[in-house]
Amino acid sequence: MDTDPRVTALRHALDRRTPMRGPRDPSLSEAAVLLALRPTDPLELLLIERAEKEGDPWSGHMALPGGRREPDDGDLLATALRETREETRIDVSRDAVLGGLDELRPGARRRFSIVVTPFVAVVPLSTEAVPAPNEVETALWVPLPHLASDEAVDEILIDLEEESLAFPALSYQDYIIWGLTHRILTDFMDVAREAGVV
């Protein structure tokens, strides 16, 4: 798949960056997500809508495949690949990984005690996602240029304990992408622009 010039350009753009990683903090859980790209024309990115689950703070949100690191995961990339396989039945090899993005740490409000490490990979053109029952409501491929367009820019009003706040978001069809996923996609769109693929 590296014969696709867009994939090569993305790999080079990721190689030129050193993903920011902070010191290990035992008070924070670790998680990893995968930005799975399908080399259609234009490139498409896999997003999932998480199933509604009681006690899940990200219940019903749009997200990237991924989740918390388990003791058997050799590293965070293994976490991202395992979770992608479990949630979408897409088996991504380490060879398909183009690189990583900056990790995300809790913000000032520290509502969640988790550090999320994103990885970028390319999957075969014919790849289809099969949502895992009880975990994923919907899996969809979103054209990358749409996510980079002004048309996608949106915001969402979230009710917090004492106030409502507007958060930056991206929209696609009837879906709203915000929070951690929005932050990861914003970082990735910078890479995609540098690579000239959007």
C-alpha atoms as a PDB file:
ATOM      1  CA  MET A   1       0.000   0.000   0.000  1.00  0.00           C
ATOM      2  CA  ASP A   2       3.013   2.268   0.303  1.00  0.00           C
ATOM      3  CA  THR A   3       2.931   2.470  -3.494  1.00  0.00           C
ATOM      4  CA  ASP A   4       0.010   4.872  -3.022  1.00  0.00           C
ATOM      5  CA  PRO A   5       1.720   8.294  -3.057  1.00  0.00           C
ATOM      6  CA  ARG A   6      -0.744   9.621  -0.460  1.00  0.00           C
ATOM      7  CA  VAL A   7       0.228   6.889   1.985  1.00  0.00           C
ATOM      8  CA  THR A   8       3.917   7.536   1.330  1.00  0.00           C
ATOM      9  CA  ALA A   9       3.395  11.274   1.900  1.00  0.00           C
ATOM     10  CA  LEU A  10       1.595  10.617   5.190  1.00  0.00           C
ATOM     11  CA  ARG A  11       4.335   8.243   6.356  1.00  0.00           C
ATOM     12  CA  HIS A  12       6.988  10.877   5.582  1.00  0.00           C
ATOM     13  CA  ALA A  13       4.995  13.625   7.336  1.00  0.00           C
ATOM     14  CA  LEU A  14       4.639  11.430  10.432  1.00  0.00           C
ATOM     15  CA  ASP A  15       8.338  10.475  10.293  1.00  0.00           C
ATOM     16  CA  ARG A  16       9.264  14.175  10.421  1.00  0.00           C
ATOM     17  CA  ARG A  17       7.443  14.583  13.737  1.00  0.00           C
ATOM     18  CA  THR A  18       8.413  13.264  17.129  1.00  0.00           C
ATOM     19  CA  PRO A  19       5.172  12.438  18.929  1.00  0.00           C
ATOM     20  CA  MET A  20       4.984  14.157  22.313  1.00  0.00           C
ATOM     21  CA  ARG A  21       5.024  11.640  25.148  1.00  0.00           C
ATOM     22  CA  GLY A  22       5.038  12.677  28.795  1.00  0.00           C
ATOM     23  CA  PRO A  23       6.537  10.813  31.734  1.00  0.00           C
ATOM     24  CA  ARG A  24       4.600   7.767  32.920  1.00  0.00           C
ATOM     25  CA  ASP A  25       2.168   8.798  35.668  1.00  0.00           C
ATOM     26  CA  PRO A  26       0.932   5.812  37.716  1.00  0.00           C
ATOM     27  CA  SER A  27      -2.220   7.758  38.673  1.00  0.00           C
ATOM     28  CA  LEU A  28      -3.305   7.816  35.009  1.00  0.00           C
ATOM     29  CA  SER A  29      -4.654   4.867  33.022  1.00  0.00           C
ATOM     30  CA  GLU A  30      -3.268   4.297  29.522  1.00  0.00           C
ATOM     31  CA  ALA A  31      -5.285   3.880  26.351  1.00  0.00           C
ATOM     32  CA  ALA A  32      -4.595   3.861  22.619  1.00  0.00           C
ATOM     33  CA  VAL A  33      -6.664   4.516  19.509  1.00  0.00           C
ATOM     34  CA  LEU A  34      -6.167   3.807  15.818  1.00  0.00           C
ATOM     35  CA  LEU A  35      -6.779   6.168  12.926  1.00  0.00           C
ATOM     36  CA  ALA A  36      -7.463   3.553  10.234  1.00  0.00           C
ATOM     37  CA  LEU A  37      -7.276   4.978   6.715  1.00  0.00           C
ATOM     38  CA  ARG A  38      -8.731   3.289   3.651  1.00  0.00           C
ATOM     39  CA  PRO A  39      -6.973   4.275   0.381  1.00  0.00           C
ATOM     40  CA  THR A  40     -10.117   5.117  -1.569  1.00  0.00           C
ATOM     41  CA  ASP A  41     -10.309   8.274  -3.653  1.00  0.00           C
ATOM     42  CA  PRO A  42     -10.440  10.361  -1.534  1.00  0.00           C
ATOM     43  CA  LEU A  43      -8.857   8.737   1.527  1.00  0.00           C
ATOM     44  CA  GLU A  44     -11.375   7.661   4.164  1.00  0.00           C
ATOM     45  CA  LEU A  45     -11.026   7.459   7.952  1.00  0.00           C
ATOM     46  CA  LEU A  46     -12.846   4.928  10.113  1.00  0.00           C
ATOM     47  CA  LEU A  47     -14.982   6.341  12.927  1.00  0.00           C
ATOM     48  CA  ILE A  48     -17.236   4.437  15.289  1.00  0.00           C
ATOM     49  CA  GLU A  49     -20.281   5.412  17.293  1.00  0.00           C
ATOM     50  CA  ARG A  50     -19.902   3.841  20.708  1.00  0.00           C
ATOM     51  CA  ALA A  51     -22.843   1.812  21.986  1.00  0.00           C
ATOM     52  CA  GLU A  52     -24.961   3.273  24.793  1.00  0.00           C
ATOM     53  CA  LYS A  53     -23.680   1.752  28.046  1.00  0.00           C
ATOM     54  CA  GLU A  54     -24.460   2.685  31.618  1.00  0.00           C
ATOM     55  CA  GLY A  55     -21.347   3.903  33.417  1.00  0.00           C
ATOM     56  CA  ASP A  56     -19.386   4.559  30.209  1.00  0.00           C
ATOM     57  CA  PRO A  57     -18.452   8.264  30.091  1.00  0.00           C
ATOM     58  CA  TRP A  58     -18.068   8.045  26.290  1.00  0.00           C
ATOM     59  CA  SER A  59     -21.341   6.180  25.763  1.00  0.00           C
ATOM     60  CA  GLY A  60     -22.918   7.074  22.413  1.00  0.00           C
ATOM     61  CA  HIS A  61     -20.003   9.282  21.349  1.00  0.00           C
ATOM     62  CA  MET A  62     -18.281   9.247  17.982  1.00  0.00           C
ATOM     63  CA  ALA A  63     -14.787   7.850  18.454  1.00  0.00           C
ATOM     64  CA  LEU A  64     -11.804   6.137  16.942  1.00  0.00           C
ATOM     65  CA  PRO A  65     -11.422   2.400  17.543  1.00  0.00           C
ATOM     66  CA  GLY A  66      -9.400   1.867  20.696  1.00  0.00           C
ATOM     67  CA  GLY A  67      -9.497   1.503  24.429  1.00  0.00           C
ATOM     68  CA  ARG A  68      -7.630   0.911  27.653  1.00  0.00           C
ATOM     69  CA  ARG A  69      -4.360  -0.961  27.822  1.00  0.00           C
ATOM     70  CA  GLU A  70      -4.618  -4.464  29.246  1.00  0.00           C
ATOM     71  CA  PRO A  71      -1.836  -6.268  31.152  1.00  0.00           C
ATOM     72  CA  ASP A  72      -1.205  -8.655  28.223  1.00  0.00           C
ATOM     73  CA  ASP A  73      -0.668  -5.806  25.728  1.00  0.00           C
ATOM     74  CA  GLY A  74       3.060  -5.627  24.973  1.00  0.00           C
ATOM     75  CA  ASP A  75       2.840  -1.900  24.225  1.00  0.00           C
ATOM     76  CA  LEU A  76       0.287   0.770  23.404  1.00  0.00           C
ATOM     77  CA  LEU A  77       0.338  -0.066  19.698  1.00  0.00           C
ATOM     78  CA  ALA A  78      -0.721  -3.602  20.650  1.00  0.00           C
ATOM     79  CA  THR A  79      -3.599  -2.034  22.597  1.00  0.00           C
ATOM     80  CA  ALA A  80      -4.750   0.001  19.585  1.00  0.00           C
ATOM     81  CA  LEU A  81      -4.563  -3.002  17.235  1.00  0.00           C
ATOM     82  CA  ARG A  82      -6.326  -5.365  19.668  1.00  0.00           C
ATOM     83  CA  GLU A  83      -9.123  -2.905  20.391  1.00  0.00           C
ATOM     84  CA  THR A  84      -9.612  -2.200  16.668  1.00  0.00           C
ATOM     85  CA  ARG A  85      -9.918  -5.937  16.009  1.00  0.00           C
ATOM     86  CA  GLU A  86     -12.359  -6.409  18.918  1.00  0.00           C
ATOM     87  CA  GLU A  87     -14.542  -3.414  18.040  1.00  0.00           C
ATOM     88  CA  THR A  88     -14.618  -3.634  14.235  1.00  0.00           C
ATOM     89  CA  ARG A  89     -13.199  -7.060  13.253  1.00  0.00           C
ATOM     90  CA  ILE A  90     -10.478  -5.271  11.285  1.00  0.00           C
ATOM     91  CA  ASP A  91      -7.133  -7.005  11.785  1.00  0.00           C
ATOM     92  CA  VAL A  92      -4.389  -4.420  11.245  1.00  0.00           C
ATOM     93  CA  SER A  93      -0.764  -5.560  11.117  1.00  0.00           C
ATOM     94  CA  ARG A  94       2.095  -3.601  12.665  1.00  0.00           C
ATOM     95  CA  ASP A  95       3.531  -3.210   9.147  1.00  0.00           C
ATOM     96  CA  ALA A  96       0.458  -1.166   8.191  1.00  0.00           C
ATOM     97  CA  VAL A  97       1.147   1.445  10.890  1.00  0.00           C
ATOM     98  CA  LEU A  98       2.461   4.719   9.464  1.00  0.00           C
ATOM     99  CA  GLY A  99       3.339   6.390  12.765  1.00  0.00           C
ATOM    100  CA  GLY A 100       1.983   7.990  15.904  1.00  0.00           C
ATOM    101  CA  LEU A 101       0.523  11.304  17.027  1.00  0.00           C
ATOM    102  CA  ASP A 102       0.965  13.295  20.230  1.00  0.00           C
ATOM    103  CA  GLU A 103      -0.514  11.641  23.289  1.00  0.00           C
ATOM    104  CA  LEU A 104      -3.455  13.358  24.950  1.00  0.00           C
ATOM    105  CA  ARG A 105      -3.448  13.965  28.679  1.00  0.00           C
ATOM    106  CA  PRO A 106      -6.307  15.125  30.894  1.00  0.00           C
ATOM    107  CA  GLY A 107      -7.104  18.833  30.696  1.00  0.00           C
ATOM    108  CA  ALA A 108      -7.291  21.266  33.598  1.00  0.00           C
ATOM    109  CA  ARG A 109     -10.663  19.923  34.740  1.00  0.00           C
ATOM    110  CA  ARG A 110      -9.206  16.382  34.730  1.00  0.00           C
ATOM    111  CA  ARG A 111     -12.603  14.772  34.349  1.00  0.00           C
ATOM    112  CA  PHE A 112     -10.952  11.561  33.155  1.00  0.00           C
ATOM    113  CA  SER A 113      -7.681  10.131  34.472  1.00  0.00           C
ATOM    114  CA  ILE A 114      -6.425   8.633  31.227  1.00  0.00           C
ATOM    115  CA  VAL A 115      -3.623   9.237  28.728  1.00  0.00           C
ATOM    116  CA  VAL A 116      -4.562   8.399  25.120  1.00  0.00           C
ATOM    117  CA  THR A 117      -1.928   7.548  22.494  1.00  0.00           C
ATOM    118  CA  PRO A 118      -3.081   7.662  18.832  1.00  0.00           C
ATOM    119  CA  PHE A 119      -1.558   5.662  15.974  1.00  0.00           C
ATOM    120  CA  VAL A 120      -2.166   5.999  12.222  1.00  0.00           C
ATOM    121  CA  ALA A 121      -2.438   2.983   9.902  1.00  0.00           C
ATOM    122  CA  VAL A 122      -3.569   2.178   6.390  1.00  0.00           C
ATOM    123  CA  VAL A 123      -5.838  -0.788   5.685  1.00  0.00           C
ATOM    124  CA  PRO A 124      -6.579  -2.543   2.377  1.00  0.00           C
ATOM    125  CA  LEU A 125      -8.991  -0.837  -0.006  1.00  0.00           C
ATOM    126  CA  SER A 126     -11.585  -3.603   0.396  1.00  0.00           C
ATOM    127  CA  THR A 127     -11.672  -3.352   4.217  1.00  0.00           C
ATOM    128  CA  GLU A 128     -15.115  -3.247   5.800  1.00  0.00           C
ATOM    129  CA  ALA A 129     -15.829  -2.717   9.481  1.00  0.00           C
ATOM    130  CA  VAL A 130     -18.201  -5.004  11.367  1.00  0.00           C
ATOM    131  CA  PRO A 131     -19.431  -3.311  14.570  1.00  0.00           C
ATOM    132  CA  ALA A 132     -19.003  -5.455  17.686  1.00  0.00           C
ATOM    133  CA  PRO A 133     -22.381  -6.045  19.340  1.00  0.00           C
ATOM    134  CA  ASN A 134     -22.794  -4.176  22.659  1.00  0.00           C
ATOM    135  CA  GLU A 135     -19.633  -2.127  22.008  1.00  0.00           C
ATOM    136  CA  VAL A 136     -20.137  -0.310  18.708  1.00  0.00           C
ATOM    137  CA  GLU A 137     -23.444   1.023  17.416  1.00  0.00           C
ATOM    138  CA  THR A 138     -22.175   2.124  13.993  1.00  0.00           C
ATOM    139  CA  ALA A 139     -18.926   2.082  12.028  1.00  0.00           C
ATOM    140  CA  LEU A 140     -18.518   4.479   9.128  1.00  0.00           C
ATOM    141  CA  TRP A 141     -15.842   5.620   6.700  1.00  0.00           C
ATOM    142  CA  VAL A 142     -15.576   9.406   6.513  1.00  0.00           C
ATOM    143  CA  PRO A 143     -13.875  11.143   3.548  1.00  0.00           C
ATOM    144  CA  LEU A 144     -10.727  12.831   4.867  1.00  0.00           C
ATOM    145  CA  PRO A 145     -11.221  16.046   2.842  1.00  0.00           C
ATOM    146  CA  HIS A 146     -14.598  16.529   4.530  1.00  0.00           C
ATOM    147  CA  LEU A 147     -12.977  16.541   7.982  1.00  0.00           C
ATOM    148  CA  ALA A 148     -10.526  19.209   6.777  1.00  0.00           C
ATOM    149  CA  SER A 149     -13.262  21.398   5.270  1.00  0.00           C
ATOM    150  CA  ASP A 150     -14.987  24.467   6.708  1.00  0.00           C
ATOM    151  CA  GLU A 151     -18.254  22.616   6.142  1.00  0.00           C
ATOM    152  CA  ALA A 152     -17.311  20.176   8.932  1.00  0.00           C
ATOM    153  CA  VAL A 153     -16.541  22.844  11.553  1.00  0.00           C
ATOM    154  CA  ASP A 154     -19.173  22.840  14.272  1.00  0.00           C
ATOM    155  CA  GLU A 155     -19.615  23.091  18.025  1.00  0.00           C
ATOM    156  CA  ILE A 156     -21.569  21.228  20.662  1.00  0.00           C
ATOM    157  CA  LEU A 157     -23.134  22.543  23.862  1.00  0.00           C
ATOM    158  CA  ILE A 158     -22.452  20.249  26.821  1.00  0.00           C
ATOM    159  CA  ASP A 159     -24.127  20.530  30.219  1.00  0.00           C
ATOM    160  CA  LEU A 160     -21.506  20.261  32.945  1.00  0.00           C
ATOM    161  CA  GLU A 161     -22.108  20.282  36.700  1.00  0.00           C
ATOM    162  CA  GLU A 162     -22.839  23.990  37.077  1.00  0.00           C
ATOM    163  CA  GLU A 163     -22.865  25.372  33.547  1.00  0.00           C
ATOM    164  CA  SER A 164     -23.218  24.648  29.846  1.00  0.00           C
ATOM    165  CA  LEU A 165     -20.117  25.029  27.720  1.00  0.00           C
ATOM    166  CA  ALA A 166     -19.625  25.091  23.956  1.00  0.00           C
ATOM    167  CA  PHE A 167     -16.926  22.722  22.703  1.00  0.00           C
ATOM    168  CA  PRO A 168     -15.374  22.694  19.222  1.00  0.00           C
ATOM    169  CA  ALA A 169     -16.628  19.841  17.079  1.00  0.00           C
ATOM    170  CA  LEU A 170     -16.715  18.388  13.588  1.00  0.00           C
ATOM    171  CA  SER A 171     -19.888  17.188  11.932  1.00  0.00           C
ATOM    172  CA  TYR A 172     -20.472  14.507   9.327  1.00  0.00           C
ATOM    173  CA  GLN A 173     -24.010  13.665   8.205  1.00  0.00           C
ATOM    174  CA  ASP A 174     -25.944  13.537  11.506  1.00  0.00           C
ATOM    175  CA  TYR A 175     -22.876  12.743  13.622  1.00  0.00           C
ATOM    176  CA  ILE A 176     -21.003  15.162  15.890  1.00  0.00           C
ATOM    177  CA  ILE A 177     -17.344  14.499  16.707  1.00  0.00           C
ATOM    178  CA  TRP A 178     -16.006  16.315  19.755  1.00  0.00           C
ATOM    179  CA  GLY A 179     -13.831  15.934  22.857  1.00  0.00           C
ATOM    180  CA  LEU A 180     -10.763  13.693  22.696  1.00  0.00           C
ATOM    181  CA  THR A 181     -11.608  12.458  19.207  1.00  0.00           C
ATOM    182  CA  HIS A 182     -11.891  16.034  17.933  1.00  0.00           C
ATOM    183  CA  ARG A 183      -8.506  16.889  19.488  1.00  0.00           C
ATOM    184  CA  ILE A 184      -6.872  13.848  17.873  1.00  0.00           C
ATOM    185  CA  LEU A 185      -8.412  14.607  14.473  1.00  0.00           C
ATOM    186  CA  THR A 186      -7.283  18.240  14.687  1.00  0.00           C
ATOM    187  CA  ASP A 187      -3.698  17.046  15.216  1.00  0.00           C
ATOM    188  CA  PHE A 188      -4.007  14.520  12.393  1.00  0.00           C
ATOM    189  CA  MET A 189      -5.451  17.088   9.974  1.00  0.00           C
ATOM    190  CA  ASP A 190      -2.269  19.147  10.471  1.00  0.00           C
ATOM    191  CA  VAL A 191      -0.267  16.086   9.378  1.00  0.00           C
ATOM    192  CA  ALA A 192      -2.612  15.428   6.441  1.00  0.00           C
ATOM    193  CA  ARG A 193      -2.285  19.032   5.249  1.00  0.00           C
ATOM    194  CA  GLU A 194       1.501  18.889   5.553  1.00  0.00           C
ATOM    195  CA  ALA A 195       1.431  15.670   3.507  1.00  0.00           C
ATOM    196  CA  GLY A 196      -0.793  17.329   0.891  1.00  0.00           C
ATOM    197  CA  VAL A 197      -3.515  14.671   1.103  1.00  0.00           C
ATOM    198  CA  VAL A 198      -6.383  17.050   2.009  1.00  0.00           C
END
